[in-house]
Amino acid sequence: MKSFMYVRAHSVDEATAAHAGRPTSRYLGGGTNLVDLMKLGVERPRTLIDVSRLPLDRVEELADGSVRAGATVRNSDLAAHPLVRSRYPVLSQALLAGASGQLRNMATTGGNLLQRTRCPYFQDLGKPCNKREPGTGCGAREGVHRDHAVLGHSAQCIATHPSDMAVALAALDARVELQGPRGARTLPAAEFHRLPGGRPELDTEIAPGELITGVLLPPAAPGAVSAYRKARDRASYAFALASVAVVLGVREGVVDQVRIAFGGLAHRPWRARRAEQALLGQAVGEEVFARAVEAELADAEPLRDNAFKVRLARNLACDVLRRLSAAPPAP
């Protein structure tokens, strides 16, 4: 067993001071991803800072109608919270689609955002992986890549981000709250994760030593309805081959607000801004939905074994748009 130092933080300031931006330090919340990677030898932190007991475990409504979920709120608690279920059903559905009940009872909001890819080449020390060890190559590109990216990938990495929750947060225009050595700041959830480019080892835009303290959900859009759909190889406890989160508002048969994000297709949740622009102001209809989604997916670059993902994502998105367009407006 590899030895490491363990620090139980009692405040955010204590946690960030203990981390100090060192690349060998890691924050520990529920541990559902980090501990597994430590067992595999992928992660070898010298210092673990336990943040699970910080006072960041509340879901609260703010004065402007927005909702803040603390970083240590468990996934199961967030999915079941009345404010989330009533105002942001897309988020509740996405959380319930992820992992198993036992894991949702342990996994945290912050940890969910920071989980790393489940690419088998990343998890196997005997395989080349630029994300795990820059410069060694991407074994998946010519190897087994059925589950891998079709959008936004690079020659360096074709892994996908595994989070369901993050896809919903991107579609909701949520913001990620951070605190670190240089103070507090927020980032749009849709921009929190990075595309691989030439630095696939960098998963997010988080700065060294920064700690996620919460997620801010904007006030629910009047009249908008939302949903999350996920296609996977088995009915439960499987990562998405493709998924979609949609927030849709229709007035007198015309789309007056829409936000779409895909999961399972890229290195990060893929905000479908081209499709959104194509839909705004258009009369609802299956042909309109299909044209907009196809325009978004036109730049997909599938590899040898995963071209089916493009059609799968198209069908998922069109079905969700069709169902939501026929649903009564949210109160």
C-alpha atoms as a PDB file:
ATOM      1  CA  MET A   1       0.000   0.000   0.000  1.00  0.00           C
ATOM      2  CA  LYS A   2       1.227   3.500  -0.852  1.00  0.00           C
ATOM      3  CA  SER A   3       1.494   5.751   2.215  1.00  0.00           C
ATOM      4  CA  PHE A   4      -0.093   9.195   2.254  1.00  0.00           C
ATOM      5  CA  MET A   5      -0.952  11.957   4.694  1.00  0.00           C
ATOM      6  CA  TYR A   6      -4.589  12.412   5.741  1.00  0.00           C
ATOM      7  CA  VAL A   7      -6.019  15.777   6.809  1.00  0.00           C
ATOM      8  CA  ARG A   8      -9.599  16.221   8.025  1.00  0.00           C
ATOM      9  CA  ALA A   9     -10.528  19.801   7.173  1.00  0.00           C
ATOM     10  CA  HIS A  10     -12.905  21.713   9.437  1.00  0.00           C
ATOM     11  CA  SER A  11     -13.316  24.773   7.200  1.00  0.00           C
ATOM     12  CA  VAL A  12     -12.940  25.677   3.548  1.00  0.00           C
ATOM     13  CA  ASP A  13      -9.946  27.864   4.353  1.00  0.00           C
ATOM     14  CA  GLU A  14      -8.296  25.014   6.235  1.00  0.00           C
ATOM     15  CA  ALA A  15      -8.894  22.677   3.300  1.00  0.00           C
ATOM     16  CA  THR A  16      -7.441  24.999   0.674  1.00  0.00           C
ATOM     17  CA  ALA A  17      -4.454  25.795   2.907  1.00  0.00           C
ATOM     18  CA  ALA A  18      -3.742  22.086   3.381  1.00  0.00           C
ATOM     19  CA  HIS A  19      -3.950  21.507  -0.374  1.00  0.00           C
ATOM     20  CA  ALA A  20      -1.790  24.564  -1.142  1.00  0.00           C
ATOM     21  CA  GLY A  21      -2.071  23.930  -4.871  1.00  0.00           C
ATOM     22  CA  ARG A  22       0.317  20.992  -4.722  1.00  0.00           C
ATOM     23  CA  PRO A  23      -0.173  18.565  -7.658  1.00  0.00           C
ATOM     24  CA  THR A  24       0.189  15.621  -5.259  1.00  0.00           C
ATOM     25  CA  SER A  25      -2.719  16.767  -3.035  1.00  0.00           C
ATOM     26  CA  ARG A  26      -6.316  15.669  -3.526  1.00  0.00           C
ATOM     27  CA  TYR A  27      -9.620  16.606  -1.932  1.00  0.00           C
ATOM     28  CA  LEU A  28     -11.650  13.627  -0.701  1.00  0.00           C
ATOM     29  CA  GLY A  29     -15.446  13.779  -0.596  1.00  0.00           C
ATOM     30  CA  GLY A  30     -17.431  10.579  -1.088  1.00  0.00           C
ATOM     31  CA  GLY A  31     -14.411   8.817  -2.583  1.00  0.00           C
ATOM     32  CA  THR A  32     -16.449   6.847  -5.123  1.00  0.00           C
ATOM     33  CA  ASN A  33     -14.019   7.662  -7.941  1.00  0.00           C
ATOM     34  CA  LEU A  34     -10.788   8.786  -6.277  1.00  0.00           C
ATOM     35  CA  VAL A  35     -10.431   5.752  -4.005  1.00  0.00           C
ATOM     36  CA  ASP A  36     -10.974   3.403  -6.944  1.00  0.00           C
ATOM     37  CA  LEU A  37      -8.246   5.187  -8.917  1.00  0.00           C
ATOM     38  CA  MET A  38      -5.918   4.972  -5.930  1.00  0.00           C
ATOM     39  CA  LYS A  39      -6.477   1.220  -5.747  1.00  0.00           C
ATOM     40  CA  LEU A  40      -5.624   0.934  -9.447  1.00  0.00           C
ATOM     41  CA  GLY A  41      -2.486   3.028  -9.023  1.00  0.00           C
ATOM     42  CA  VAL A  42      -3.735   5.719 -11.396  1.00  0.00           C
ATOM     43  CA  GLU A  43      -3.933   8.283  -8.594  1.00  0.00           C
ATOM     44  CA  ARG A  44      -1.082   8.392  -6.056  1.00  0.00           C
ATOM     45  CA  PRO A  45      -1.696  11.423  -3.835  1.00  0.00           C
ATOM     46  CA  ARG A  46       0.743  12.235  -1.082  1.00  0.00           C
ATOM     47  CA  THR A  47      -1.905  14.174   0.832  1.00  0.00           C
ATOM     48  CA  LEU A  48      -5.655  13.558   1.096  1.00  0.00           C
ATOM     49  CA  ILE A  49      -7.744  16.427   2.442  1.00  0.00           C
ATOM     50  CA  ASP A  50     -11.081  15.108   3.712  1.00  0.00           C
ATOM     51  CA  VAL A  51     -13.764  17.727   2.951  1.00  0.00           C
ATOM     52  CA  SER A  52     -16.750  15.481   3.599  1.00  0.00           C
ATOM     53  CA  ARG A  53     -17.518  17.112   6.959  1.00  0.00           C
ATOM     54  CA  LEU A  54     -17.424  20.713   5.777  1.00  0.00           C
ATOM     55  CA  PRO A  55     -20.694  22.662   6.188  1.00  0.00           C
ATOM     56  CA  LEU A  56     -21.455  22.397   2.471  1.00  0.00           C
ATOM     57  CA  ASP A  57     -24.237  19.808   2.673  1.00  0.00           C
ATOM     58  CA  ARG A  58     -27.326  21.997   2.251  1.00  0.00           C
ATOM     59  CA  VAL A  59     -29.722  22.682  -0.606  1.00  0.00           C
ATOM     60  CA  GLU A  60     -31.185  26.154  -0.144  1.00  0.00           C
ATOM     61  CA  GLU A  61     -33.322  28.643  -2.020  1.00  0.00           C
ATOM     62  CA  LEU A  62     -31.833  32.115  -2.353  1.00  0.00           C
ATOM     63  CA  ALA A  63     -33.681  35.433  -2.333  1.00  0.00           C
ATOM     64  CA  ASP A  64     -33.760  35.752  -6.137  1.00  0.00           C
ATOM     65  CA  GLY A  65     -35.344  32.311  -6.600  1.00  0.00           C
ATOM     66  CA  SER A  66     -32.110  30.545  -7.494  1.00  0.00           C
ATOM     67  CA  VAL A  67     -31.119  27.346  -5.679  1.00  0.00           C
ATOM     68  CA  ARG A  68     -27.701  26.549  -4.278  1.00  0.00           C
ATOM     69  CA  ALA A  69     -26.539  22.978  -3.731  1.00  0.00           C
ATOM     70  CA  GLY A  70     -23.479  22.619  -1.519  1.00  0.00           C
ATOM     71  CA  ALA A  71     -20.513  20.609  -2.745  1.00  0.00           C
ATOM     72  CA  THR A  72     -20.953  17.816  -0.188  1.00  0.00           C
ATOM     73  CA  VAL A  73     -24.661  17.244  -0.834  1.00  0.00           C
ATOM     74  CA  ARG A  74     -25.039  13.561  -1.697  1.00  0.00           C
ATOM     75  CA  ASN A  75     -26.329  12.739  -5.156  1.00  0.00           C
ATOM     76  CA  SER A  76     -29.311  10.827  -3.777  1.00  0.00           C
ATOM     77  CA  ASP A  77     -30.290  13.749  -1.517  1.00  0.00           C
ATOM     78  CA  LEU A  78     -30.014  16.263  -4.346  1.00  0.00           C
ATOM     79  CA  ALA A  79     -32.116  14.105  -6.679  1.00  0.00           C
ATOM     80  CA  ALA A  80     -34.843  13.726  -4.038  1.00  0.00           C
ATOM     81  CA  HIS A  81     -34.939  17.332  -2.851  1.00  0.00           C
ATOM     82  CA  PRO A  82     -38.394  18.925  -3.390  1.00  0.00           C
ATOM     83  CA  LEU A  83     -36.926  22.097  -4.934  1.00  0.00           C
ATOM     84  CA  VAL A  84     -34.928  20.088  -7.454  1.00  0.00           C
ATOM     85  CA  ARG A  85     -37.742  17.700  -8.320  1.00  0.00           C
ATOM     86  CA  SER A  86     -40.277  20.486  -8.857  1.00  0.00           C
ATOM     87  CA  ARG A  87     -38.141  23.153 -10.550  1.00  0.00           C
ATOM     88  CA  TYR A  88     -35.336  21.201 -12.217  1.00  0.00           C
ATOM     89  CA  PRO A  89     -36.649  17.735 -13.100  1.00  0.00           C
ATOM     90  CA  VAL A  90     -33.905  17.344 -15.705  1.00  0.00           C
ATOM     91  CA  LEU A  91     -31.346  17.394 -12.887  1.00  0.00           C
ATOM     92  CA  SER A  92     -33.220  14.938 -10.693  1.00  0.00           C
ATOM     93  CA  GLN A  93     -33.651  12.554 -13.642  1.00  0.00           C
ATOM     94  CA  ALA A  94     -29.970  12.810 -14.581  1.00  0.00           C
ATOM     95  CA  LEU A  95     -28.834  12.041 -11.041  1.00  0.00           C
ATOM     96  CA  LEU A  96     -31.135   9.029 -10.778  1.00  0.00           C
ATOM     97  CA  ALA A  97     -29.796   7.740 -14.105  1.00  0.00           C
ATOM     98  CA  GLY A  98     -26.261   7.660 -12.741  1.00  0.00           C
ATOM     99  CA  ALA A  99     -24.533   4.777 -10.976  1.00  0.00           C
ATOM    100  CA  SER A 100     -26.360   2.679  -8.355  1.00  0.00           C
ATOM    101  CA  GLY A 101     -28.361   3.666  -5.323  1.00  0.00           C
ATOM    102  CA  GLN A 102     -25.476   2.766  -3.029  1.00  0.00           C
ATOM    103  CA  LEU A 103     -23.048   4.969  -4.951  1.00  0.00           C
ATOM    104  CA  ARG A 104     -25.513   7.861  -5.129  1.00  0.00           C
ATOM    105  CA  ASN A 105     -25.758   7.694  -1.345  1.00  0.00           C
ATOM    106  CA  MET A 106     -21.990   8.329  -1.124  1.00  0.00           C
ATOM    107  CA  ALA A 107     -21.166  10.467  -4.169  1.00  0.00           C
ATOM    108  CA  THR A 108     -21.161  14.235  -3.710  1.00  0.00           C
ATOM    109  CA  THR A 109     -22.065  17.158  -5.944  1.00  0.00           C
ATOM    110  CA  GLY A 110     -18.471  18.359  -6.143  1.00  0.00           C
ATOM    111  CA  GLY A 111     -17.056  14.877  -6.599  1.00  0.00           C
ATOM    112  CA  ASN A 112     -19.493  14.123  -9.408  1.00  0.00           C
ATOM    113  CA  LEU A 113     -18.163  17.095 -11.352  1.00  0.00           C
ATOM    114  CA  LEU A 114     -14.552  16.083 -10.730  1.00  0.00           C
ATOM    115  CA  GLN A 115     -14.841  12.386 -11.577  1.00  0.00           C
ATOM    116  CA  ARG A 116     -12.462  11.242 -14.271  1.00  0.00           C
ATOM    117  CA  THR A 117     -13.102   9.265 -17.431  1.00  0.00           C
ATOM    118  CA  ARG A 118     -13.869   5.560 -17.240  1.00  0.00           C
ATOM    119  CA  CYS A 119     -11.829   4.848 -20.372  1.00  0.00           C
ATOM    120  CA  PRO A 120     -10.192   1.433 -19.800  1.00  0.00           C
ATOM    121  CA  TYR A 121      -6.902   2.689 -21.253  1.00  0.00           C
ATOM    122  CA  PHE A 122      -6.813   5.443 -18.635  1.00  0.00           C
ATOM    123  CA  GLN A 123      -7.489   2.969 -15.838  1.00  0.00           C
ATOM    124  CA  ASP A 124      -4.930   0.346 -16.946  1.00  0.00           C
ATOM    125  CA  LEU A 125      -1.327   1.198 -16.102  1.00  0.00           C
ATOM    126  CA  GLY A 126      -0.174  -1.258 -18.738  1.00  0.00           C
ATOM    127  CA  LYS A 127      -1.826   0.676 -21.579  1.00  0.00           C
ATOM    128  CA  PRO A 128      -0.714   3.940 -23.221  1.00  0.00           C
ATOM    129  CA  CYS A 129      -2.807   6.969 -22.202  1.00  0.00           C
ATOM    130  CA  ASN A 130      -1.995  10.638 -22.710  1.00  0.00           C
ATOM    131  CA  LYS A 131      -4.474  11.629 -20.030  1.00  0.00           C
ATOM    132  CA  ARG A 132      -2.795   9.489 -17.386  1.00  0.00           C
ATOM    133  CA  GLU A 133       0.780   9.903 -18.657  1.00  0.00           C
ATOM    134  CA  PRO A 134       1.224  12.676 -21.269  1.00  0.00           C
ATOM    135  CA  GLY A 135       3.242  11.682 -24.301  1.00  0.00           C
ATOM    136  CA  THR A 136       2.596   7.938 -24.169  1.00  0.00           C
ATOM    137  CA  GLY A 137      -0.118   7.963 -26.849  1.00  0.00           C
ATOM    138  CA  CYS A 138      -3.838   7.165 -26.986  1.00  0.00           C
ATOM    139  CA  GLY A 139      -4.382   3.420 -27.026  1.00  0.00           C
ATOM    140  CA  ALA A 140      -8.113   3.763 -27.590  1.00  0.00           C
ATOM    141  CA  ARG A 141      -7.810   5.512 -30.963  1.00  0.00           C
ATOM    142  CA  GLU A 142      -6.777   2.332 -32.761  1.00  0.00           C
ATOM    143  CA  GLY A 143      -8.015   0.014 -30.027  1.00  0.00           C
ATOM    144  CA  VAL A 144     -11.397  -0.477 -28.357  1.00  0.00           C
ATOM    145  CA  HIS A 145     -13.308   2.787 -28.717  1.00  0.00           C
ATOM    146  CA  ARG A 146     -16.992   1.923 -29.165  1.00  0.00           C
ATOM    147  CA  ASP A 147     -17.894   4.017 -26.105  1.00  0.00           C
ATOM    148  CA  HIS A 148     -15.650   6.954 -26.943  1.00  0.00           C
ATOM    149  CA  ALA A 149     -16.045  10.493 -28.266  1.00  0.00           C
ATOM    150  CA  VAL A 150     -17.440  11.585 -31.606  1.00  0.00           C
ATOM    151  CA  LEU A 151     -17.318  15.346 -30.905  1.00  0.00           C
ATOM    152  CA  GLY A 152     -14.492  17.617 -29.795  1.00  0.00           C
ATOM    153  CA  HIS A 153     -11.826  14.934 -29.504  1.00  0.00           C
ATOM    154  CA  SER A 154      -8.212  15.326 -30.575  1.00  0.00           C
ATOM    155  CA  ALA A 155      -5.340  13.169 -31.711  1.00  0.00           C
ATOM    156  CA  GLN A 156      -4.251  13.095 -28.059  1.00  0.00           C
ATOM    157  CA  CYS A 157      -7.452  11.764 -26.456  1.00  0.00           C
ATOM    158  CA  ILE A 158     -10.880  10.428 -27.406  1.00  0.00           C
ATOM    159  CA  ALA A 159     -12.232   9.758 -23.892  1.00  0.00           C
ATOM    160  CA  THR A 160     -15.691  10.879 -22.776  1.00  0.00           C
ATOM    161  CA  HIS A 161     -16.750  12.465 -19.511  1.00  0.00           C
ATOM    162  CA  PRO A 162     -18.933  10.047 -17.512  1.00  0.00           C
ATOM    163  CA  SER A 163     -21.142  12.404 -15.475  1.00  0.00           C
ATOM    164  CA  ASP A 164     -24.914  12.498 -16.008  1.00  0.00           C
ATOM    165  CA  MET A 165     -25.357  15.330 -13.525  1.00  0.00           C
ATOM    166  CA  ALA A 166     -22.921  17.593 -15.373  1.00  0.00           C
ATOM    167  CA  VAL A 167     -24.949  17.286 -18.573  1.00  0.00           C
ATOM    168  CA  ALA A 168     -28.074  18.522 -16.822  1.00  0.00           C
ATOM    169  CA  LEU A 169     -26.154  21.358 -15.157  1.00  0.00           C
ATOM    170  CA  ALA A 170     -24.857  22.491 -18.556  1.00  0.00           C
ATOM    171  CA  ALA A 171     -28.398  22.614 -19.951  1.00  0.00           C
ATOM    172  CA  LEU A 172     -29.635  24.520 -16.892  1.00  0.00           C
ATOM    173  CA  ASP A 173     -27.012  27.283 -17.235  1.00  0.00           C
ATOM    174  CA  ALA A 174     -25.817  26.419 -13.729  1.00  0.00           C
ATOM    175  CA  ARG A 175     -22.633  27.874 -12.291  1.00  0.00           C
ATOM    176  CA  VAL A 176     -19.907  26.113 -10.306  1.00  0.00           C
ATOM    177  CA  GLU A 177     -18.727  27.936  -7.179  1.00  0.00           C
ATOM    178  CA  LEU A 178     -15.016  27.692  -6.352  1.00  0.00           C
ATOM    179  CA  GLN A 179     -12.781  28.887  -3.559  1.00  0.00           C
ATOM    180  CA  GLY A 180      -9.020  28.754  -3.522  1.00  0.00           C
ATOM    181  CA  PRO A 181      -5.819  30.545  -2.640  1.00  0.00           C
ATOM    182  CA  ARG A 182      -6.861  33.567  -4.705  1.00  0.00           C
ATOM    183  CA  GLY A 183     -10.371  33.816  -3.300  1.00  0.00           C
ATOM    184  CA  ALA A 184     -13.817  32.845  -4.579  1.00  0.00           C
ATOM    185  CA  ARG A 185     -15.121  32.761  -8.149  1.00  0.00           C
ATOM    186  CA  THR A 186     -17.741  31.030 -10.280  1.00  0.00           C
ATOM    187  CA  LEU A 187     -17.618  29.332 -13.671  1.00  0.00           C
ATOM    188  CA  PRO A 188     -20.475  28.373 -16.023  1.00  0.00           C
ATOM    189  CA  ALA A 189     -21.063  24.637 -15.686  1.00  0.00           C
ATOM    190  CA  ALA A 190     -20.979  24.308 -19.490  1.00  0.00           C
ATOM    191  CA  GLU A 191     -17.410  25.697 -19.490  1.00  0.00           C
ATOM    192  CA  PHE A 192     -16.093  23.998 -16.359  1.00  0.00           C
ATOM    193  CA  HIS A 193     -14.802  20.924 -18.209  1.00  0.00           C
ATOM    194  CA  ARG A 194     -12.234  21.149 -21.018  1.00  0.00           C
ATOM    195  CA  LEU A 195     -11.922  19.591 -24.423  1.00  0.00           C
ATOM    196  CA  PRO A 196      -8.682  17.581 -24.690  1.00  0.00           C
ATOM    197  CA  GLY A 197      -6.756  19.504 -27.361  1.00  0.00           C
ATOM    198  CA  GLY A 198      -3.071  18.961 -26.716  1.00  0.00           C
ATOM    199  CA  ARG A 199      -3.470  18.782 -22.898  1.00  0.00           C
ATOM    200  CA  PRO A 200      -5.855  15.888 -22.190  1.00  0.00           C
ATOM    201  CA  GLU A 201      -4.449  15.481 -18.665  1.00  0.00           C
ATOM    202  CA  LEU A 202      -6.314  18.687 -17.723  1.00  0.00           C
ATOM    203  CA  ASP A 203      -9.956  17.765 -17.181  1.00  0.00           C
ATOM    204  CA  THR A 204     -11.352  21.084 -15.978  1.00  0.00           C
ATOM    205  CA  GLU A 205     -10.696  24.818 -15.731  1.00  0.00           C
ATOM    206  CA  ILE A 206     -10.241  24.556 -11.967  1.00  0.00           C
ATOM    207  CA  ALA A 207      -7.080  26.268 -10.730  1.00  0.00           C
ATOM    208  CA  PRO A 208      -4.530  24.486  -8.498  1.00  0.00           C
ATOM    209  CA  GLY A 209      -5.795  24.292  -4.928  1.00  0.00           C
ATOM    210  CA  GLU A 210      -9.343  25.423  -5.721  1.00  0.00           C
ATOM    211  CA  LEU A 211     -12.182  23.594  -4.001  1.00  0.00           C
ATOM    212  CA  ILE A 212     -15.711  23.309  -5.365  1.00  0.00           C
ATOM    213  CA  THR A 213     -17.978  24.771  -2.683  1.00  0.00           C
ATOM    214  CA  GLY A 214     -21.326  24.491  -4.460  1.00  0.00           C
ATOM    215  CA  VAL A 215     -23.428  24.661  -7.582  1.00  0.00           C
ATOM    216  CA  LEU A 216     -25.796  27.545  -8.278  1.00  0.00           C
ATOM    217  CA  LEU A 217     -28.979  26.804 -10.230  1.00  0.00           C
ATOM    218  CA  PRO A 218     -30.601  29.906 -11.780  1.00  0.00           C
ATOM    219  CA  PRO A 219     -34.285  30.625 -11.141  1.00  0.00           C
ATOM    220  CA  ALA A 220     -36.442  28.191 -13.088  1.00  0.00           C
ATOM    221  CA  ALA A 221     -37.538  29.702 -16.406  1.00  0.00           C
ATOM    222  CA  PRO A 222     -41.297  30.433 -16.346  1.00  0.00           C
ATOM    223  CA  GLY A 223     -43.239  27.896 -18.366  1.00  0.00           C
ATOM    224  CA  ALA A 224     -40.228  25.813 -19.322  1.00  0.00           C
ATOM    225  CA  VAL A 225     -40.257  22.020 -19.037  1.00  0.00           C
ATOM    226  CA  SER A 226     -37.211  19.782 -18.937  1.00  0.00           C
ATOM    227  CA  ALA A 227     -36.114  16.165 -19.224  1.00  0.00           C
ATOM    228  CA  TYR A 228     -33.052  13.911 -19.370  1.00  0.00           C
ATOM    229  CA  ARG A 229     -32.739  10.778 -21.485  1.00  0.00           C
ATOM    230  CA  LYS A 230     -29.906   8.278 -21.471  1.00  0.00           C
ATOM    231  CA  ALA A 231     -29.103   5.351 -23.751  1.00  0.00           C
ATOM    232  CA  ARG A 232     -26.852   2.653 -22.298  1.00  0.00           C
ATOM    233  CA  ASP A 233     -26.014  -0.994 -22.727  1.00  0.00           C
ATOM    234  CA  ARG A 234     -28.055  -2.141 -19.741  1.00  0.00           C
ATOM    235  CA  ALA A 235     -30.934  -0.746 -17.732  1.00  0.00           C
ATOM    236  CA  SER A 236     -28.938   0.432 -14.725  1.00  0.00           C
ATOM    237  CA  TYR A 237     -25.444   1.153 -13.444  1.00  0.00           C
ATOM    238  CA  ALA A 238     -23.963   1.839 -16.867  1.00  0.00           C
ATOM    239  CA  PHE A 239     -22.407   4.923 -18.392  1.00  0.00           C
ATOM    240  CA  ALA A 240     -24.098   6.674 -21.291  1.00  0.00           C
ATOM    241  CA  LEU A 241     -23.480   5.715 -24.871  1.00  0.00           C
ATOM    242  CA  ALA A 242     -25.344   8.961 -25.514  1.00  0.00           C
ATOM    243  CA  SER A 243     -27.566  11.141 -23.378  1.00  0.00           C
ATOM    244  CA  VAL A 244     -29.374  14.455 -23.706  1.00  0.00           C
ATOM    245  CA  ALA A 245     -30.670  17.104 -21.320  1.00  0.00           C
ATOM    246  CA  VAL A 246     -33.263  19.546 -22.662  1.00  0.00           C
ATOM    247  CA  VAL A 247     -34.938  22.636 -21.218  1.00  0.00           C
ATOM    248  CA  LEU A 248     -37.738  23.826 -23.509  1.00  0.00           C
ATOM    249  CA  GLY A 249     -40.283  26.624 -23.479  1.00  0.00           C
ATOM    250  CA  VAL A 250     -43.033  26.840 -26.101  1.00  0.00           C
ATOM    251  CA  ARG A 251     -45.493  29.703 -26.497  1.00  0.00           C
ATOM    252  CA  GLU A 252     -48.371  29.476 -28.975  1.00  0.00           C
ATOM    253  CA  GLY A 253     -46.638  26.657 -30.801  1.00  0.00           C
ATOM    254  CA  VAL A 254     -43.319  28.492 -31.177  1.00  0.00           C
ATOM    255  CA  VAL A 255     -40.048  27.759 -29.347  1.00  0.00           C
ATOM    256  CA  ASP A 256     -39.257  30.784 -27.196  1.00  0.00           C
ATOM    257  CA  GLN A 257     -36.522  29.216 -25.036  1.00  0.00           C
ATOM    258  CA  VAL A 258     -34.386  26.116 -25.414  1.00  0.00           C
ATOM    259  CA  ARG A 259     -31.197  24.712 -23.961  1.00  0.00           C
ATOM    260  CA  ILE A 260     -29.725  21.360 -24.987  1.00  0.00           C
ATOM    261  CA  ALA A 261     -26.674  19.447 -23.762  1.00  0.00           C
ATOM    262  CA  PHE A 262     -25.399  16.029 -24.839  1.00  0.00           C
ATOM    263  CA  GLY A 263     -23.534  13.491 -22.725  1.00  0.00           C
ATOM    264  CA  GLY A 264     -21.473  10.483 -23.775  1.00  0.00           C
ATOM    265  CA  LEU A 265     -20.306  12.173 -26.981  1.00  0.00           C
ATOM    266  CA  ALA A 266     -17.350  14.301 -25.921  1.00  0.00           C
ATOM    267  CA  HIS A 267     -14.665  15.015 -23.348  1.00  0.00           C
ATOM    268  CA  ARG A 268     -17.167  17.284 -21.579  1.00  0.00           C
ATOM    269  CA  PRO A 269     -20.935  17.824 -21.609  1.00  0.00           C
ATOM    270  CA  TRP A 270     -21.604  19.144 -25.095  1.00  0.00           C
ATOM    271  CA  ARG A 271     -23.778  22.259 -25.095  1.00  0.00           C
ATOM    272  CA  ALA A 272     -25.683  22.220 -28.400  1.00  0.00           C
ATOM    273  CA  ARG A 273     -25.693  25.959 -29.100  1.00  0.00           C
ATOM    274  CA  ARG A 274     -26.026  25.573 -32.872  1.00  0.00           C
ATOM    275  CA  ALA A 275     -29.182  23.503 -32.425  1.00  0.00           C
ATOM    276  CA  GLU A 276     -30.535  25.986 -29.883  1.00  0.00           C
ATOM    277  CA  GLN A 277     -30.112  28.885 -32.300  1.00  0.00           C
ATOM    278  CA  ALA A 278     -31.773  26.909 -35.069  1.00  0.00           C
ATOM    279  CA  LEU A 279     -34.813  26.182 -32.874  1.00  0.00           C
ATOM    280  CA  LEU A 280     -35.468  29.593 -31.332  1.00  0.00           C
ATOM    281  CA  GLY A 281     -38.483  31.267 -32.904  1.00  0.00           C
ATOM    282  CA  GLN A 282     -39.438  28.184 -34.919  1.00  0.00           C
ATOM    283  CA  ALA A 283     -42.775  26.410 -34.892  1.00  0.00           C
ATOM    284  CA  VAL A 284     -42.482  23.077 -33.123  1.00  0.00           C
ATOM    285  CA  GLY A 285     -42.431  20.000 -35.322  1.00  0.00           C
ATOM    286  CA  GLU A 286     -40.435  16.858 -35.902  1.00  0.00           C
ATOM    287  CA  GLU A 287     -38.784  18.146 -39.082  1.00  0.00           C
ATOM    288  CA  VAL A 288     -37.707  21.344 -37.324  1.00  0.00           C
ATOM    289  CA  PHE A 289     -36.279  19.352 -34.439  1.00  0.00           C
ATOM    290  CA  ALA A 290     -34.442  16.964 -36.780  1.00  0.00           C
ATOM    291  CA  ARG A 291     -32.852  19.758 -38.833  1.00  0.00           C
ATOM    292  CA  ALA A 292     -31.629  21.572 -35.743  1.00  0.00           C
ATOM    293  CA  VAL A 293     -30.109  18.490 -34.126  1.00  0.00           C
ATOM    294  CA  GLU A 294     -28.531  17.350 -37.391  1.00  0.00           C
ATOM    295  CA  ALA A 295     -26.912  20.773 -37.764  1.00  0.00           C
ATOM    296  CA  GLU A 296     -25.387  20.351 -34.297  1.00  0.00           C
ATOM    297  CA  LEU A 297     -24.054  16.880 -35.060  1.00  0.00           C
ATOM    298  CA  ALA A 298     -22.781  17.730 -38.544  1.00  0.00           C
ATOM    299  CA  ASP A 299     -19.222  18.193 -37.243  1.00  0.00           C
ATOM    300  CA  ALA A 300     -19.099  14.813 -35.525  1.00  0.00           C
ATOM    301  CA  GLU A 301     -15.997  12.768 -36.320  1.00  0.00           C
ATOM    302  CA  PRO A 302     -16.793   9.186 -35.386  1.00  0.00           C
ATOM    303  CA  LEU A 303     -14.075   6.598 -35.342  1.00  0.00           C
ATOM    304  CA  ARG A 304     -14.045   3.069 -36.684  1.00  0.00           C
ATOM    305  CA  ASP A 305     -16.558   1.564 -34.235  1.00  0.00           C
ATOM    306  CA  ASN A 306     -18.700   4.371 -32.817  1.00  0.00           C
ATOM    307  CA  ALA A 307     -20.487   6.051 -35.729  1.00  0.00           C
ATOM    308  CA  PHE A 308     -23.769   4.685 -34.326  1.00  0.00           C
ATOM    309  CA  LYS A 309     -23.512   7.277 -31.537  1.00  0.00           C
ATOM    310  CA  VAL A 310     -24.339  10.127 -33.919  1.00  0.00           C
ATOM    311  CA  ARG A 311     -27.657   8.617 -34.973  1.00  0.00           C
ATOM    312  CA  LEU A 312     -28.386   7.516 -31.415  1.00  0.00           C
ATOM    313  CA  ALA A 313     -27.874  11.056 -30.083  1.00  0.00           C
ATOM    314  CA  ARG A 314     -30.016  12.493 -32.864  1.00  0.00           C
ATOM    315  CA  ASN A 315     -32.895  10.156 -32.111  1.00  0.00           C
ATOM    316  CA  LEU A 316     -32.683  10.760 -28.357  1.00  0.00           C
ATOM    317  CA  ALA A 317     -32.713  14.541 -28.742  1.00  0.00           C
ATOM    318  CA  CYS A 318     -35.563  14.580 -31.254  1.00  0.00           C
ATOM    319  CA  ASP A 319     -37.670  12.299 -29.075  1.00  0.00           C
ATOM    320  CA  VAL A 320     -37.132  14.442 -25.964  1.00  0.00           C
ATOM    321  CA  LEU A 321     -37.920  17.637 -27.895  1.00  0.00           C
ATOM    322  CA  ARG A 322     -41.081  16.099 -29.312  1.00  0.00           C
ATOM    323  CA  ARG A 323     -42.291  14.905 -25.921  1.00  0.00           C
ATOM    324  CA  LEU A 324     -41.530  18.171 -24.162  1.00  0.00           C
ATOM    325  CA  SER A 325     -43.182  20.248 -26.889  1.00  0.00           C
ATOM    326  CA  ALA A 326     -46.414  18.337 -26.248  1.00  0.00           C
ATOM    327  CA  ALA A 327     -46.193  18.627 -22.453  1.00  0.00           C
ATOM    328  CA  PRO A 328     -48.169  21.273 -20.529  1.00  0.00           C
ATOM    329  CA  PRO A 329     -46.075  24.283 -19.476  1.00  0.00           C
ATOM    330  CA  ALA A 330     -44.560  24.141 -16.027  1.00  0.00           C
ATOM    331  CA  PRO A 331     -46.398  26.223 -13.432  1.00  0.00           C
END
